[in-house]
Amino acid sequence: MKKLSTKQVTVFAMFIALTTVATMLIQIPIPATKGYLNIGDTVLMCAGLLMGKMAGGLVGGLGSALADLLTGYTFYAPITLVVKGLEGFICGYLKRNTKLHFGLCALIGGFIMALGYLLAEGLILYNFPTAILSFIPNIIQGVAGAVLASLLYPALKKAPIFDEFYQESVSSK
């Protein structure tokens, strides 16, 4: 693994904080599972699309789990760490290693998130009849996050700060 520059660590930290804030900013409760819908997916998807799988995974997992811890959803934090980390990782992986449109990469990441929560809630927290009640809202959250990320990504990718992330991913192929 390549050593991260101070600039890269700083950008990762900024995206982790933005994911935490976006997750905490709008929370729509899902009473059946004691979870909530949020817009943090938009930021973690952008991190994966802009900076690759490692950034997407770290930003998604840490930023979203931190929001769970800070807002009293501690029982979800370990699951969120894995599920949202995988969501961001998948967005970054698909963007760098396939020819899929960035919007489709984000949609697939959002679907992985919904599926991850379905499995975690069905196998660990509750049961599948209860978990199904949050599956459709989580799909809606994933689609909304993907749409918003798809709108932001073209503008953000023009920012020079992301050039070194892109160059490294191209040179590592």
C-alpha atoms as a PDB file:
ATOM      1  CA  MET A   1       0.000   0.000   0.000  1.00  0.00           C
ATOM      2  CA  LYS A   2       1.264   3.462  -0.869  1.00  0.00           C
ATOM      3  CA  LYS A   3       1.984   5.957   1.868  1.00  0.00           C
ATOM      4  CA  LEU A   4      -0.666   8.670   2.115  1.00  0.00           C
ATOM      5  CA  SER A   5       0.378  12.285   1.836  1.00  0.00           C
ATOM      6  CA  THR A   6      -0.644  14.841   4.448  1.00  0.00           C
ATOM      7  CA  LYS A   7      -2.955  16.369   1.861  1.00  0.00           C
ATOM      8  CA  GLN A   8      -4.679  13.022   1.247  1.00  0.00           C
ATOM      9  CA  VAL A   9      -5.139  12.356   4.974  1.00  0.00           C
ATOM     10  CA  THR A  10      -6.594  15.859   5.359  1.00  0.00           C
ATOM     11  CA  VAL A  11      -9.043  15.353   2.495  1.00  0.00           C
ATOM     12  CA  PHE A  12     -10.066  11.941   3.929  1.00  0.00           C
ATOM     13  CA  ALA A  13     -10.684  13.562   7.327  1.00  0.00           C
ATOM     14  CA  MET A  14     -12.714  16.343   5.729  1.00  0.00           C
ATOM     15  CA  PHE A  15     -14.909  13.812   3.912  1.00  0.00           C
ATOM     16  CA  ILE A  16     -15.326  11.734   7.081  1.00  0.00           C
ATOM     17  CA  ALA A  17     -16.516  14.876   8.894  1.00  0.00           C
ATOM     18  CA  LEU A  18     -18.808  15.854   6.003  1.00  0.00           C
ATOM     19  CA  THR A  19     -20.313  12.349   5.970  1.00  0.00           C
ATOM     20  CA  THR A  20     -20.927  12.527   9.718  1.00  0.00           C
ATOM     21  CA  VAL A  21     -22.590  15.940   9.468  1.00  0.00           C
ATOM     22  CA  ALA A  22     -24.684  15.010   6.409  1.00  0.00           C
ATOM     23  CA  THR A  23     -25.822  11.843   8.185  1.00  0.00           C
ATOM     24  CA  MET A  24     -26.777  13.774  11.321  1.00  0.00           C
ATOM     25  CA  LEU A  25     -28.334  16.748   9.507  1.00  0.00           C
ATOM     26  CA  ILE A  26     -31.439  15.008   8.195  1.00  0.00           C
ATOM     27  CA  GLN A  27     -32.607  11.876   9.987  1.00  0.00           C
ATOM     28  CA  ILE A  28     -35.972  10.373   9.116  1.00  0.00           C
ATOM     29  CA  PRO A  29     -36.773   7.598  11.625  1.00  0.00           C
ATOM     30  CA  ILE A  30     -37.771   4.074  10.564  1.00  0.00           C
ATOM     31  CA  PRO A  31     -39.833   2.981  13.611  1.00  0.00           C
ATOM     32  CA  ALA A  32     -39.872  -0.747  12.799  1.00  0.00           C
ATOM     33  CA  THR A  33     -36.078  -1.111  12.992  1.00  0.00           C
ATOM     34  CA  LYS A  34     -35.254   1.901  15.185  1.00  0.00           C
ATOM     35  CA  GLY A  35     -32.975   3.110  12.366  1.00  0.00           C
ATOM     36  CA  TYR A  36     -33.186   6.220  10.184  1.00  0.00           C
ATOM     37  CA  LEU A  37     -32.837   7.523   6.645  1.00  0.00           C
ATOM     38  CA  ASN A  38     -30.197  10.182   5.911  1.00  0.00           C
ATOM     39  CA  ILE A  39     -28.245  11.915   3.140  1.00  0.00           C
ATOM     40  CA  GLY A  40     -24.755  10.878   4.250  1.00  0.00           C
ATOM     41  CA  ASP A  41     -24.607   8.388   1.375  1.00  0.00           C
ATOM     42  CA  THR A  42     -24.150  11.276  -1.050  1.00  0.00           C
ATOM     43  CA  VAL A  43     -20.841  12.288   0.542  1.00  0.00           C
ATOM     44  CA  LEU A  44     -19.425   8.783   0.939  1.00  0.00           C
ATOM     45  CA  MET A  45     -20.361   7.927  -2.649  1.00  0.00           C
ATOM     46  CA  CYS A  46     -18.583  11.069  -3.854  1.00  0.00           C
ATOM     47  CA  ALA A  47     -15.528  10.070  -1.806  1.00  0.00           C
ATOM     48  CA  GLY A  48     -15.399   6.676  -3.487  1.00  0.00           C
ATOM     49  CA  LEU A  49     -15.992   8.082  -6.961  1.00  0.00           C
ATOM     50  CA  LEU A  50     -13.431  10.862  -6.531  1.00  0.00           C
ATOM     51  CA  MET A  51     -10.697   9.164  -4.509  1.00  0.00           C
ATOM     52  CA  GLY A  52     -11.093   5.434  -4.978  1.00  0.00           C
ATOM     53  CA  LYS A  53     -12.048   2.373  -2.993  1.00  0.00           C
ATOM     54  CA  MET A  54      -9.869   2.963   0.075  1.00  0.00           C
ATOM     55  CA  ALA A  55     -11.203   6.493   0.551  1.00  0.00           C
ATOM     56  CA  GLY A  56     -14.771   5.383  -0.104  1.00  0.00           C
ATOM     57  CA  GLY A  57     -14.469   2.578   2.431  1.00  0.00           C
ATOM     58  CA  LEU A  58     -12.844   4.698   5.128  1.00  0.00           C
ATOM     59  CA  VAL A  59     -15.107   7.687   4.649  1.00  0.00           C
ATOM     60  CA  GLY A  60     -18.251   5.568   4.439  1.00  0.00           C
ATOM     61  CA  GLY A  61     -17.474   3.362   7.406  1.00  0.00           C
ATOM     62  CA  LEU A  62     -15.943   5.877   9.800  1.00  0.00           C
ATOM     63  CA  GLY A  63     -18.098   8.907   8.951  1.00  0.00           C
ATOM     64  CA  SER A  64     -21.384   7.023   9.111  1.00  0.00           C
ATOM     65  CA  ALA A  65     -20.518   4.985  12.230  1.00  0.00           C
ATOM     66  CA  LEU A  66     -19.409   8.164  13.989  1.00  0.00           C
ATOM     67  CA  ALA A  67     -22.814   9.702  13.230  1.00  0.00           C
ATOM     68  CA  ASP A  68     -24.508   6.642  14.754  1.00  0.00           C
ATOM     69  CA  LEU A  69     -22.388   6.987  17.887  1.00  0.00           C
ATOM     70  CA  LEU A  70     -23.042  10.719  18.216  1.00  0.00           C
ATOM     71  CA  THR A  71     -26.805  10.472  17.722  1.00  0.00           C
ATOM     72  CA  GLY A  72     -27.511   7.564  20.064  1.00  0.00           C
ATOM     73  CA  TYR A  73     -27.721   4.754  17.520  1.00  0.00           C
ATOM     74  CA  THR A  74     -24.756   2.950  19.079  1.00  0.00           C
ATOM     75  CA  PHE A  75     -26.239  -0.497  18.480  1.00  0.00           C
ATOM     76  CA  TYR A  76     -26.078   0.216  14.732  1.00  0.00           C
ATOM     77  CA  ALA A  77     -22.503   1.608  14.706  1.00  0.00           C
ATOM     78  CA  PRO A  78     -20.602  -1.690  14.148  1.00  0.00           C
ATOM     79  CA  ILE A  79     -23.011  -2.716  11.388  1.00  0.00           C
ATOM     80  CA  THR A  80     -22.860   0.759   9.835  1.00  0.00           C
ATOM     81  CA  LEU A  81     -19.059   0.668   9.902  1.00  0.00           C
ATOM     82  CA  VAL A  82     -19.108  -2.448   7.728  1.00  0.00           C
ATOM     83  CA  VAL A  83     -22.163  -1.741   5.542  1.00  0.00           C
ATOM     84  CA  LYS A  84     -21.391   1.909   4.733  1.00  0.00           C
ATOM     85  CA  GLY A  85     -17.703   1.109   4.406  1.00  0.00           C
ATOM     86  CA  LEU A  86     -18.572  -1.523   1.824  1.00  0.00           C
ATOM     87  CA  GLU A  87     -20.905   0.910   0.047  1.00  0.00           C
ATOM     88  CA  GLY A  88     -18.142   3.502  -0.363  1.00  0.00           C
ATOM     89  CA  PHE A  89     -15.571   0.838  -1.267  1.00  0.00           C
ATOM     90  CA  ILE A  90     -17.821  -0.576  -4.003  1.00  0.00           C
ATOM     91  CA  CYS A  91     -18.435   2.907  -5.469  1.00  0.00           C
ATOM     92  CA  GLY A  92     -14.701   3.554  -5.654  1.00  0.00           C
ATOM     93  CA  TYR A  93     -13.813   0.079  -6.873  1.00  0.00           C
ATOM     94  CA  LEU A  94     -16.365   0.078  -9.675  1.00  0.00           C
ATOM     95  CA  LYS A  95     -15.439   3.607 -10.783  1.00  0.00           C
ATOM     96  CA  ARG A  96     -11.739   2.732 -11.059  1.00  0.00           C
ATOM     97  CA  ASN A  97     -11.936  -0.849 -12.350  1.00  0.00           C
ATOM     98  CA  THR A  98     -14.895  -0.931 -14.731  1.00  0.00           C
ATOM     99  CA  LYS A  99     -16.231   1.132 -17.574  1.00  0.00           C
ATOM    100  CA  LEU A 100     -19.555   1.663 -15.797  1.00  0.00           C
ATOM    101  CA  HIS A 101     -20.982   5.180 -15.694  1.00  0.00           C
ATOM    102  CA  PHE A 102     -20.277   6.854 -12.347  1.00  0.00           C
ATOM    103  CA  GLY A 103     -24.015   7.102 -11.649  1.00  0.00           C
ATOM    104  CA  LEU A 104     -24.395   3.352 -12.025  1.00  0.00           C
ATOM    105  CA  CYS A 105     -21.389   2.796  -9.728  1.00  0.00           C
ATOM    106  CA  ALA A 106     -23.160   4.897  -7.093  1.00  0.00           C
ATOM    107  CA  LEU A 107     -26.490   3.089  -7.617  1.00  0.00           C
ATOM    108  CA  ILE A 108     -24.816  -0.292  -7.150  1.00  0.00           C
ATOM    109  CA  GLY A 109     -23.148   1.005  -3.991  1.00  0.00           C
ATOM    110  CA  GLY A 110     -26.540   2.170  -2.720  1.00  0.00           C
ATOM    111  CA  PHE A 111     -28.089  -1.221  -3.432  1.00  0.00           C
ATOM    112  CA  ILE A 112     -25.224  -2.956  -1.593  1.00  0.00           C
ATOM    113  CA  MET A 113     -25.964  -0.695   1.393  1.00  0.00           C
ATOM    114  CA  ALA A 114     -29.660  -1.623   1.394  1.00  0.00           C
ATOM    115  CA  LEU A 115     -28.820  -5.320   1.039  1.00  0.00           C
ATOM    116  CA  GLY A 116     -26.197  -5.089   3.805  1.00  0.00           C
ATOM    117  CA  TYR A 117     -28.672  -3.576   6.253  1.00  0.00           C
ATOM    118  CA  LEU A 118     -31.316  -6.135   5.252  1.00  0.00           C
ATOM    119  CA  LEU A 119     -28.923  -8.980   6.069  1.00  0.00           C
ATOM    120  CA  ALA A 120     -27.624  -7.385   9.278  1.00  0.00           C
ATOM    121  CA  GLU A 121     -31.086  -6.537  10.574  1.00  0.00           C
ATOM    122  CA  GLY A 122     -32.467  -9.919   9.520  1.00  0.00           C
ATOM    123  CA  LEU A 123     -29.633 -12.040  10.916  1.00  0.00           C
ATOM    124  CA  ILE A 124     -28.221  -9.989  13.807  1.00  0.00           C
ATOM    125  CA  LEU A 125     -30.565  -7.317  15.130  1.00  0.00           C
ATOM    126  CA  TYR A 126     -34.116  -8.488  14.424  1.00  0.00           C
ATOM    127  CA  ASN A 127     -35.626 -10.943  11.955  1.00  0.00           C
ATOM    128  CA  PHE A 128     -36.319 -10.829   8.235  1.00  0.00           C
ATOM    129  CA  PRO A 129     -39.986  -9.791   8.424  1.00  0.00           C
ATOM    130  CA  THR A 130     -38.894  -6.757  10.463  1.00  0.00           C
ATOM    131  CA  ALA A 131     -35.815  -6.116   8.316  1.00  0.00           C
ATOM    132  CA  ILE A 132     -37.935  -6.062   5.142  1.00  0.00           C
ATOM    133  CA  LEU A 133     -39.729  -2.989   6.535  1.00  0.00           C
ATOM    134  CA  SER A 134     -36.528  -0.945   6.209  1.00  0.00           C
ATOM    135  CA  PHE A 135     -35.344  -2.469   2.918  1.00  0.00           C
ATOM    136  CA  ILE A 136     -37.473  -0.270   0.629  1.00  0.00           C
ATOM    137  CA  PRO A 137     -36.654   2.928   2.572  1.00  0.00           C
ATOM    138  CA  ASN A 138     -32.951   1.977   2.403  1.00  0.00           C
ATOM    139  CA  ILE A 139     -33.228   1.441  -1.358  1.00  0.00           C
ATOM    140  CA  ILE A 140     -34.831   4.888  -1.644  1.00  0.00           C
ATOM    141  CA  GLN A 141     -31.968   6.321   0.438  1.00  0.00           C
ATOM    142  CA  GLY A 142     -29.420   4.580  -1.792  1.00  0.00           C
ATOM    143  CA  VAL A 143     -31.058   5.854  -4.980  1.00  0.00           C
ATOM    144  CA  ALA A 144     -31.375   9.390  -3.586  1.00  0.00           C
ATOM    145  CA  GLY A 145     -27.718   9.331  -2.500  1.00  0.00           C
ATOM    146  CA  ALA A 146     -26.668   8.070  -5.931  1.00  0.00           C
ATOM    147  CA  VAL A 147     -28.675  10.758  -7.734  1.00  0.00           C
ATOM    148  CA  LEU A 148     -27.241  13.526  -5.551  1.00  0.00           C
ATOM    149  CA  ALA A 149     -23.706  12.113  -5.862  1.00  0.00           C
ATOM    150  CA  SER A 150     -24.155  11.912  -9.648  1.00  0.00           C
ATOM    151  CA  LEU A 151     -25.090  15.586  -9.699  1.00  0.00           C
ATOM    152  CA  LEU A 152     -22.145  16.629  -7.503  1.00  0.00           C
ATOM    153  CA  TYR A 153     -19.433  14.383  -8.947  1.00  0.00           C
ATOM    154  CA  PRO A 154     -18.943  16.133 -12.331  1.00  0.00           C
ATOM    155  CA  ALA A 155     -18.355  19.491 -10.617  1.00  0.00           C
ATOM    156  CA  LEU A 156     -16.201  18.083  -7.799  1.00  0.00           C
ATOM    157  CA  LYS A 157     -13.919  16.072 -10.103  1.00  0.00           C
ATOM    158  CA  LYS A 158     -12.755  19.351 -11.679  1.00  0.00           C
ATOM    159  CA  ALA A 159     -11.279  20.495  -8.352  1.00  0.00           C
ATOM    160  CA  PRO A 160      -7.463  20.252  -8.491  1.00  0.00           C
ATOM    161  CA  ILE A 161      -7.305  18.725  -5.009  1.00  0.00           C
ATOM    162  CA  PHE A 162      -8.523  15.401  -6.426  1.00  0.00           C
ATOM    163  CA  ASP A 163      -5.906  15.230  -9.213  1.00  0.00           C
ATOM    164  CA  GLU A 164      -3.369  13.304  -7.152  1.00  0.00           C
ATOM    165  CA  PHE A 165      -5.987  10.712  -6.162  1.00  0.00           C
ATOM    166  CA  TYR A 166      -6.878  10.181  -9.799  1.00  0.00           C
ATOM    167  CA  GLN A 167      -3.257  10.032 -10.954  1.00  0.00           C
ATOM    168  CA  GLU A 168      -2.378   7.398  -8.357  1.00  0.00           C
ATOM    169  CA  SER A 169      -5.323   5.210  -9.294  1.00  0.00           C
ATOM    170  CA  VAL A 170      -4.434   5.421 -12.993  1.00  0.00           C
ATOM    171  CA  SER A 171      -0.748   4.652 -12.387  1.00  0.00           C
ATOM    172  CA  SER A 172      -1.575   1.679 -10.131  1.00  0.00           C
ATOM    173  CA  LYS A 173      -3.479  -0.174 -12.895  1.00  0.00           C
END
